[in-house]
PDB file of N, CA and C in Angstrom:
ATOM      1  N   MET A   1     -24.661  -1.264 -21.659  1.00  0.00           N
ATOM      2  CA  MET A   1     -26.115  -1.110 -21.605  1.00  0.00           C
ATOM      3  C   MET A   1     -26.952  -1.585 -22.352  1.00  0.00           C
ATOM      4  N   LEU A   2     -27.906  -1.875 -22.397  1.00  0.00           N
ATOM      5  CA  LEU A   2     -28.714  -2.373 -24.234  1.00  0.00           C
ATOM      6  C   LEU A   2     -29.909  -0.699 -24.378  1.00  0.00           C
ATOM      7  N   ILE A   3     -29.317  -0.130 -24.651  1.00  0.00           N
ATOM      8  CA  ILE A   3     -30.131   1.145 -25.258  1.00  0.00           C
ATOM      9  C   ILE A   3     -31.461   0.862 -26.148  1.00  0.00           C
ATOM     10  N   PRO A   4     -32.478   0.652 -25.816  1.00  0.00           N
ATOM     11  CA  PRO A   4     -34.128   0.594 -26.851  1.00  0.00           C
ATOM     12  C   PRO A   4     -33.743   1.957 -27.800  1.00  0.00           C
ATOM     13  N   HIS A   5     -33.711   1.396 -28.844  1.00  0.00           N
ATOM     14  CA  HIS A   5     -33.725   2.145 -30.014  1.00  0.00           C
ATOM     15  C   HIS A   5     -34.674   3.514 -30.471  1.00  0.00           C
ATOM     16  N   ASP A   6     -36.182   3.023 -29.842  1.00  0.00           N
ATOM     17  CA  ASP A   6     -36.955   3.547 -29.834  1.00  0.00           C
ATOM     18  C   ASP A   6     -37.663   4.447 -28.413  1.00  0.00           C
ATOM     19  N   GLU A   7     -36.546   4.444 -27.399  1.00  0.00           N
ATOM     20  CA  GLU A   7     -36.165   5.641 -26.826  1.00  0.00           C
ATOM     21  C   GLU A   7     -35.790   6.830 -27.404  1.00  0.00           C
ATOM     22  N   LEU A   8     -35.104   6.588 -28.026  1.00  0.00           N
ATOM     23  CA  LEU A   8     -34.235   8.274 -28.712  1.00  0.00           C
ATOM     24  C   LEU A   8     -35.093   9.086 -29.388  1.00  0.00           C
ATOM     25  N   GLY A   9     -34.215   9.772 -29.298  1.00  0.00           N
ATOM     26  CA  GLY A   9     -34.828  10.832 -30.762  1.00  0.00           C
ATOM     27  C   GLY A   9     -34.407  10.437 -31.887  1.00  0.00           C
ATOM     28  N   GLU A  10     -35.781  10.831 -33.186  1.00  0.00           N
ATOM     29  CA  GLU A  10     -35.093  10.461 -34.353  1.00  0.00           C
ATOM     30  C   GLU A  10     -34.038  11.066 -34.475  1.00  0.00           C
ATOM     31  N   GLU A  11     -33.811  12.160 -34.804  1.00  0.00           N
ATOM     32  CA  GLU A  11     -32.700  12.720 -34.896  1.00  0.00           C
ATOM     33  C   GLU A  11     -31.710  12.206 -34.597  1.00  0.00           C
ATOM     34  N   THR A  12     -31.147  11.541 -32.849  1.00  0.00           N
ATOM     35  CA  THR A  12     -30.326  10.917 -32.463  1.00  0.00           C
ATOM     36  C   THR A  12     -29.909   9.463 -32.633  1.00  0.00           C
ATOM     37  N   LEU A  13     -30.996   9.004 -33.296  1.00  0.00           N
ATOM     38  CA  LEU A  13     -31.049   7.446 -33.626  1.00  0.00           C
ATOM     39  C   LEU A  13     -30.658   7.502 -35.001  1.00  0.00           C
ATOM     40  N   ARG A  14     -30.916   8.863 -36.065  1.00  0.00           N
ATOM     41  CA  ARG A  14     -30.185   9.233 -37.324  1.00  0.00           C
ATOM     42  C   ARG A  14     -28.880   9.047 -37.306  1.00  0.00           C
ATOM     43  N   ASN A  15     -28.989  10.043 -36.210  1.00  0.00           N
ATOM     44  CA  ASN A  15     -27.037  10.746 -36.266  1.00  0.00           C
ATOM     45  C   ASN A  15     -25.682   9.644 -35.999  1.00  0.00           C
ATOM     46  N   LEU A  16     -26.523   8.323 -34.745  1.00  0.00           N
ATOM     47  CA  LEU A  16     -25.994   7.255 -34.309  1.00  0.00           C
ATOM     48  C   LEU A  16     -25.790   6.716 -35.371  1.00  0.00           C
ATOM     49  N   ILE A  17     -26.883   6.046 -36.577  1.00  0.00           N
ATOM     50  CA  ILE A  17     -26.914   5.352 -37.732  1.00  0.00           C
ATOM     51  C   ILE A  17     -25.833   5.637 -38.219  1.00  0.00           C
ATOM     52  N   GLU A  18     -26.230   6.778 -38.515  1.00  0.00           N
ATOM     53  CA  GLU A  18     -25.043   7.525 -40.090  1.00  0.00           C
ATOM     54  C   GLU A  18     -23.373   7.342 -39.245  1.00  0.00           C
ATOM     55  N   GLU A  19     -22.802   7.373 -38.667  1.00  0.00           N
ATOM     56  CA  GLU A  19     -22.086   7.430 -37.846  1.00  0.00           C
ATOM     57  C   GLU A  19     -21.517   6.016 -37.847  1.00  0.00           C
ATOM     58  N   PHE A  20     -21.846   5.547 -37.848  1.00  0.00           N
ATOM     59  CA  PHE A  20     -22.209   4.379 -37.238  1.00  0.00           C
ATOM     60  C   PHE A  20     -21.734   3.098 -39.176  1.00  0.00           C
ATOM     61  N   VAL A  21     -22.524   3.966 -39.535  1.00  0.00           N
ATOM     62  CA  VAL A  21     -22.332   3.013 -41.372  1.00  0.00           C
ATOM     63  C   VAL A  21     -21.442   3.774 -42.258  1.00  0.00           C
ATOM     64  N   SER A  22     -21.205   5.186 -41.401  1.00  0.00           N
ATOM     65  CA  SER A  22     -19.871   5.526 -42.048  1.00  0.00           C
ATOM     66  C   SER A  22     -18.387   5.188 -41.800  1.00  0.00           C
ATOM     67  N   ARG A  23     -17.888   4.330 -40.805  1.00  0.00           N
ATOM     68  CA  ARG A  23     -17.442   4.168 -39.911  1.00  0.00           C
ATOM     69  C   ARG A  23     -16.645   2.787 -41.028  1.00  0.00           C
ATOM     70  N   GLU A  24     -15.065   3.111 -40.438  1.00  0.00           N
ATOM     71  CA  GLU A  24     -14.591   1.996 -41.721  1.00  0.00           C
ATOM     72  C   GLU A  24     -14.554   0.398 -41.225  1.00  0.00           C
ATOM     73  N   GLY A  25     -14.801  -0.348 -41.975  1.00  0.00           N
ATOM     74  CA  GLY A  25     -15.074  -2.070 -41.685  1.00  0.00           C
ATOM     75  C   GLY A  25     -16.679  -2.085 -42.220  1.00  0.00           C
ATOM     76  N   THR A  26     -17.349  -1.526 -42.420  1.00  0.00           N
ATOM     77  CA  THR A  26     -18.694  -1.527 -42.475  1.00  0.00           C
ATOM     78  C   THR A  26     -19.229  -1.451 -44.021  1.00  0.00           C
ATOM     79  N   GLU A  27     -18.232  -1.692 -44.520  1.00  0.00           N
ATOM     80  CA  GLU A  27     -18.293  -1.687 -46.146  1.00  0.00           C
ATOM     81  C   GLU A  27     -19.196  -3.613 -46.233  1.00  0.00           C
ATOM     82  N   TYR A  28     -19.882  -3.045 -47.452  1.00  0.00           N
ATOM     83  CA  TYR A  28     -21.326  -4.352 -47.741  1.00  0.00           C
ATOM     84  C   TYR A  28     -20.812  -4.797 -48.665  1.00  0.00           C
ATOM     85  N   GLY A  29     -19.445  -4.884 -49.233  1.00  0.00           N
ATOM     86  CA  GLY A  29     -19.144  -6.042 -50.159  1.00  0.00           C
ATOM     87  C   GLY A  29     -19.063  -5.124 -51.857  1.00  0.00           C
ATOM     88  N   VAL A  30     -18.593  -5.508 -52.673  1.00  0.00           N
ATOM     89  CA  VAL A  30     -18.578  -5.149 -54.156  1.00  0.00           C
ATOM     90  C   VAL A  30     -19.008  -4.036 -54.401  1.00  0.00           C
ATOM     91  N   ARG A  31     -20.931  -4.265 -54.870  1.00  0.00           N
ATOM     92  CA  ARG A  31     -22.283  -3.401 -54.707  1.00  0.00           C
ATOM     93  C   ARG A  31     -22.042  -1.661 -53.884  1.00  0.00           C
ATOM     94  N   GLU A  32     -21.798  -1.091 -54.545  1.00  0.00           N
ATOM     95  CA  GLU A  32     -21.965   0.228 -53.786  1.00  0.00           C
ATOM     96  C   GLU A  32     -23.530   0.738 -53.428  1.00  0.00           C
ATOM     97  N   ILE A  33     -23.544   0.917 -52.100  1.00  0.00           N
ATOM     98  CA  ILE A  33     -25.094   0.902 -51.520  1.00  0.00           C
ATOM     99  C   ILE A  33     -24.346   2.748 -50.600  1.00  0.00           C
ATOM    100  N   SER A  34     -25.383   3.435 -50.948  1.00  0.00           N
ATOM    101  CA  SER A  34     -26.041   4.549 -50.425  1.00  0.00           C
ATOM    102  C   SER A  34     -25.867   4.913 -49.249  1.00  0.00           C
ATOM    103  N   ILE A  35     -25.110   5.635 -48.612  1.00  0.00           N
ATOM    104  CA  ILE A  35     -25.838   6.119 -46.465  1.00  0.00           C
ATOM    105  C   ILE A  35     -27.056   5.865 -46.424  1.00  0.00           C
ATOM    106  N   SER A  36     -27.835   6.567 -47.327  1.00  0.00           N
ATOM    107  CA  SER A  36     -29.136   6.601 -46.953  1.00  0.00           C
ATOM    108  C   SER A  36     -29.754   5.047 -46.861  1.00  0.00           C
ATOM    109  N   ASP A  37     -29.498   4.383 -47.976  1.00  0.00           N
ATOM    110  CA  ASP A  37     -29.690   2.792 -47.906  1.00  0.00           C
ATOM    111  C   ASP A  37     -29.279   2.051 -46.721  1.00  0.00           C
ATOM    112  N   LYS A  38     -27.736   2.273 -46.373  1.00  0.00           N
ATOM    113  CA  LYS A  38     -27.270   1.763 -44.901  1.00  0.00           C
ATOM    114  C   LYS A  38     -28.281   1.999 -43.977  1.00  0.00           C
ATOM    115  N   VAL A  39     -28.277   3.385 -44.144  1.00  0.00           N
ATOM    116  CA  VAL A  39     -29.548   3.754 -42.367  1.00  0.00           C
ATOM    117  C   VAL A  39     -30.574   2.985 -42.763  1.00  0.00           C
ATOM    118  N   ARG A  40     -31.064   2.683 -43.656  1.00  0.00           N
ATOM    119  CA  ARG A  40     -32.406   2.090 -43.785  1.00  0.00           C
ATOM    120  C   ARG A  40     -32.592   0.495 -43.395  1.00  0.00           C
ATOM    121  N   GLN A  41     -31.548  -0.232 -43.968  1.00  0.00           N
ATOM    122  CA  GLN A  41     -31.163  -1.392 -43.567  1.00  0.00           C
ATOM    123  C   GLN A  41     -30.850  -1.097 -42.097  1.00  0.00           C
ATOM    124  N   VAL A  42     -30.023  -0.871 -41.524  1.00  0.00           N
ATOM    125  CA  VAL A  42     -29.664  -0.873 -39.802  1.00  0.00           C
ATOM    126  C   VAL A  42     -30.961  -0.423 -39.076  1.00  0.00           C
ATOM    127  N   GLN A  43     -31.483   0.498 -39.490  1.00  0.00           N
ATOM    128  CA  GLN A  43     -33.223   0.963 -39.100  1.00  0.00           C
ATOM    129  C   GLN A  43     -33.748  -0.303 -38.776  1.00  0.00           C
ATOM    130  N   ALA A  44     -34.081  -1.282 -40.075  1.00  0.00           N
ATOM    131  CA  ALA A  44     -34.972  -1.815 -40.076  1.00  0.00           C
ATOM    132  C   ALA A  44     -34.243  -3.393 -39.217  1.00  0.00           C
ATOM    133  N   GLN A  45     -32.954  -3.365 -39.162  1.00  0.00           N
ATOM    134  CA  GLN A  45     -32.217  -4.337 -38.422  1.00  0.00           C
ATOM    135  C   GLN A  45     -32.293  -4.216 -36.521  1.00  0.00           C
ATOM    136  N   LEU A  46     -32.716  -2.737 -36.662  1.00  0.00           N
ATOM    137  CA  LEU A  46     -33.037  -2.735 -34.974  1.00  0.00           C
ATOM    138  C   LEU A  46     -34.157  -2.569 -34.871  1.00  0.00           C
ATOM    139  N   ALA A  47     -35.556  -2.428 -35.245  1.00  0.00           N
ATOM    140  CA  ALA A  47     -36.967  -2.761 -35.564  1.00  0.00           C
ATOM    141  C   ALA A  47     -37.105  -4.206 -35.622  1.00  0.00           C
ATOM    142  N   ASN A  48     -36.425  -5.105 -36.624  1.00  0.00           N
ATOM    143  CA  ASN A  48     -36.962  -6.491 -35.869  1.00  0.00           C
ATOM    144  C   ASN A  48     -35.925  -7.191 -34.915  1.00  0.00           C
ATOM    145  N   GLY A  49     -34.892  -6.394 -34.421  1.00  0.00           N
ATOM    146  CA  GLY A  49     -34.235  -7.021 -33.364  1.00  0.00           C
ATOM    147  C   GLY A  49     -33.044  -7.904 -33.526  1.00  0.00           C
ATOM    148  N   SER A  50     -32.787  -8.075 -34.780  1.00  0.00           N
ATOM    149  CA  SER A  50     -31.316  -7.993 -35.368  1.00  0.00           C
ATOM    150  C   SER A  50     -30.032  -7.653 -34.925  1.00  0.00           C
ATOM    151  N   CYS A  51     -30.523  -6.329 -34.224  1.00  0.00           N
ATOM    152  CA  CYS A  51     -28.916  -5.623 -34.094  1.00  0.00           C
ATOM    153  C   CYS A  51     -30.170  -4.448 -32.682  1.00  0.00           C
ATOM    154  N   VAL A  52     -28.734  -4.335 -32.068  1.00  0.00           N
ATOM    155  CA  VAL A  52     -29.506  -3.632 -30.656  1.00  0.00           C
ATOM    156  C   VAL A  52     -28.195  -2.598 -30.889  1.00  0.00           C
ATOM    157  N   ILE A  53     -28.837  -1.331 -29.336  1.00  0.00           N
ATOM    158  CA  ILE A  53     -27.698  -0.448 -29.777  1.00  0.00           C
ATOM    159  C   ILE A  53     -27.115  -0.140 -27.977  1.00  0.00           C
ATOM    160  N   ILE A  54     -25.348  -0.686 -27.631  1.00  0.00           N
ATOM    161  CA  ILE A  54     -25.321  -0.599 -26.566  1.00  0.00           C
ATOM    162  C   ILE A  54     -24.724   0.624 -26.034  1.00  0.00           C
ATOM    163  N   PHE A  55     -24.476   1.266 -25.258  1.00  0.00           N
ATOM    164  CA  PHE A  55     -23.197   1.895 -24.488  1.00  0.00           C
ATOM    165  C   PHE A  55     -22.448   1.638 -23.708  1.00  0.00           C
ATOM    166  N   ASP A  56     -21.520   1.552 -23.920  1.00  0.00           N
ATOM    167  CA  ASP A  56     -20.298   1.506 -22.596  1.00  0.00           C
ATOM    168  C   ASP A  56     -19.867   2.190 -21.580  1.00  0.00           C
ATOM    169  N   ALA A  57     -20.718   2.673 -20.869  1.00  0.00           N
ATOM    170  CA  ALA A  57     -20.247   3.261 -19.852  1.00  0.00           C
ATOM    171  C   ALA A  57     -18.655   4.008 -19.408  1.00  0.00           C
ATOM    172  N   HIS A  58     -17.854   2.707 -19.720  1.00  0.00           N
ATOM    173  CA  HIS A  58     -16.174   2.952 -19.481  1.00  0.00           C
ATOM    174  C   HIS A  58     -15.711   3.904 -20.337  1.00  0.00           C
ATOM    175  N   THR A  59     -15.911   3.691 -22.075  1.00  0.00           N
ATOM    176  CA  THR A  59     -15.623   4.714 -22.913  1.00  0.00           C
ATOM    177  C   THR A  59     -16.417   5.646 -23.082  1.00  0.00           C
ATOM    178  N   GLU A  60     -17.884   5.925 -22.783  1.00  0.00           N
ATOM    179  CA  GLU A  60     -18.754   6.919 -22.799  1.00  0.00           C
ATOM    180  C   GLU A  60     -19.071   6.410 -24.327  1.00  0.00           C
ATOM    181  N   THR A  61     -19.396   5.343 -25.168  1.00  0.00           N
ATOM    182  CA  THR A  61     -19.165   5.450 -26.295  1.00  0.00           C
ATOM    183  C   THR A  61     -20.590   4.115 -26.549  1.00  0.00           C
ATOM    184  N   SER A  62     -21.180   4.929 -27.793  1.00  0.00           N
ATOM    185  CA  SER A  62     -22.768   3.927 -28.088  1.00  0.00           C
ATOM    186  C   SER A  62     -22.135   3.200 -29.518  1.00  0.00           C
ATOM    187  N   HIS A  63     -22.515   1.841 -29.667  1.00  0.00           N
ATOM    188  CA  HIS A  63     -21.964   0.925 -30.885  1.00  0.00           C
ATOM    189  C   HIS A  63     -23.740   0.130 -31.015  1.00  0.00           C
ATOM    190  N   ILE A  64     -23.730   0.173 -32.359  1.00  0.00           N
ATOM    191  CA  ILE A  64     -24.934  -0.888 -32.820  1.00  0.00           C
ATOM    192  C   ILE A  64     -23.929  -1.951 -32.718  1.00  0.00           C
ATOM    193  N   VAL A  65     -24.591  -3.253 -32.885  1.00  0.00           N
ATOM    194  CA  VAL A  65     -24.284  -4.445 -32.968  1.00  0.00           C
ATOM    195  C   VAL A  65     -24.941  -5.730 -33.220  1.00  0.00           C
ATOM    196  N   THR A  66     -24.707  -6.650 -33.749  1.00  0.00           N
ATOM    197  CA  THR A  66     -26.048  -7.976 -33.613  1.00  0.00           C
ATOM    198  C   THR A  66     -26.581  -7.909 -32.208  1.00  0.00           C
ATOM    199  N   ILE A  67     -27.138  -8.550 -31.985  1.00  0.00           N
ATOM    200  CA  ILE A  67     -27.471  -9.124 -30.908  1.00  0.00           C
ATOM    201  C   ILE A  67     -26.920 -10.017 -30.735  1.00  0.00           C
ATOM    202  N   GLU A  68     -26.298 -11.161 -31.198  1.00  0.00           N
ATOM    203  CA  GLU A  68     -25.409 -12.448 -30.749  1.00  0.00           C
ATOM    204  C   GLU A  68     -24.523 -11.895 -30.003  1.00  0.00           C
ATOM    205  N   GLU A  69     -23.798 -10.783 -30.996  1.00  0.00           N
ATOM    206  CA  GLU A  69     -22.716  -9.944 -30.406  1.00  0.00           C
ATOM    207  C   GLU A  69     -22.722  -9.583 -29.028  1.00  0.00           C
ATOM    208  N   TRP A  70     -24.019  -8.781 -28.503  1.00  0.00           N
ATOM    209  CA  TRP A  70     -24.521  -8.205 -27.515  1.00  0.00           C
ATOM    210  C   TRP A  70     -24.323  -9.300 -26.465  1.00  0.00           C
ATOM    211  N   LYS A  71     -24.882 -10.379 -26.693  1.00  0.00           N
ATOM    212  CA  LYS A  71     -25.596 -11.625 -25.852  1.00  0.00           C
ATOM    213  C   LYS A  71     -24.015 -12.174 -25.590  1.00  0.00           C
ATOM    214  N   ARG A  72     -22.886 -12.233 -26.147  1.00  0.00           N
ATOM    215  CA  ARG A  72     -21.787 -12.710 -25.646  1.00  0.00           C
ATOM    216  C   ARG A  72     -20.834 -11.910 -24.906  1.00  0.00           C
ATOM    217  N   ARG A  73     -21.083 -10.578 -25.734  1.00  0.00           N
ATOM    218  CA  ARG A  73     -20.377  -9.606 -24.320  1.00  0.00           C
ATOM    219  C   ARG A  73     -21.233  -9.440 -23.024  1.00  0.00           C
ATOM    220  N   LYS A  74     -22.576 -10.067 -23.193  1.00  0.00           N
ATOM    221  CA  LYS A  74     -23.059  -9.877 -22.038  1.00  0.00           C
ATOM    222  C   LYS A  74     -22.863 -10.853 -20.565  1.00  0.00           C
ATOM    223  N   ASN A  75     -22.554 -12.275 -21.681  1.00  0.00           N
ATOM    224  CA  ASN A  75     -22.186 -13.306 -20.795  1.00  0.00           C
ATOM    225  C   ASN A  75     -20.637 -13.373 -20.282  1.00  0.00           C
ATOM    226  N   ALA A  76     -19.897 -12.365 -21.029  1.00  0.00           N
ATOM    227  CA  ALA A  76     -18.971 -11.941 -20.667  1.00  0.00           C
ATOM    228  C   ALA A  76     -18.424 -11.581 -19.681  1.00  0.00           C
ATOM    229  N   ILE A  77     -19.021 -10.951 -19.215  1.00  0.00           N
ATOM    230  CA  ILE A  77     -19.618  -9.507 -17.843  1.00  0.00           C
ATOM    231  C   ILE A  77     -19.956 -10.426 -16.534  1.00  0.00           C
ATOM    232  N   GLU A  78     -21.290 -11.051 -17.326  1.00  0.00           N
ATOM    233  CA  GLU A  78     -21.152 -12.612 -16.472  1.00  0.00           C
ATOM    234  C   GLU A  78     -20.713 -13.329 -15.656  1.00  0.00           C
TER     235      GLU A  78
END
């Protein structure tokens, strides 16, 4: 299920993004980037539509994925 980022409360959205950027496997390369900068980058990606928030009802978890990944997942279900 797609969750419009602009329908989430500001604090809820920030918490979701902070949890996402602090996960293992979300490193941005050799250059160290602060959590605040990572949050701003993800906020920009959500705003421009290159990333979306999805909710998995089976696992009751939310994820931030690229729009391409969401389309692949959606097509796999259909």
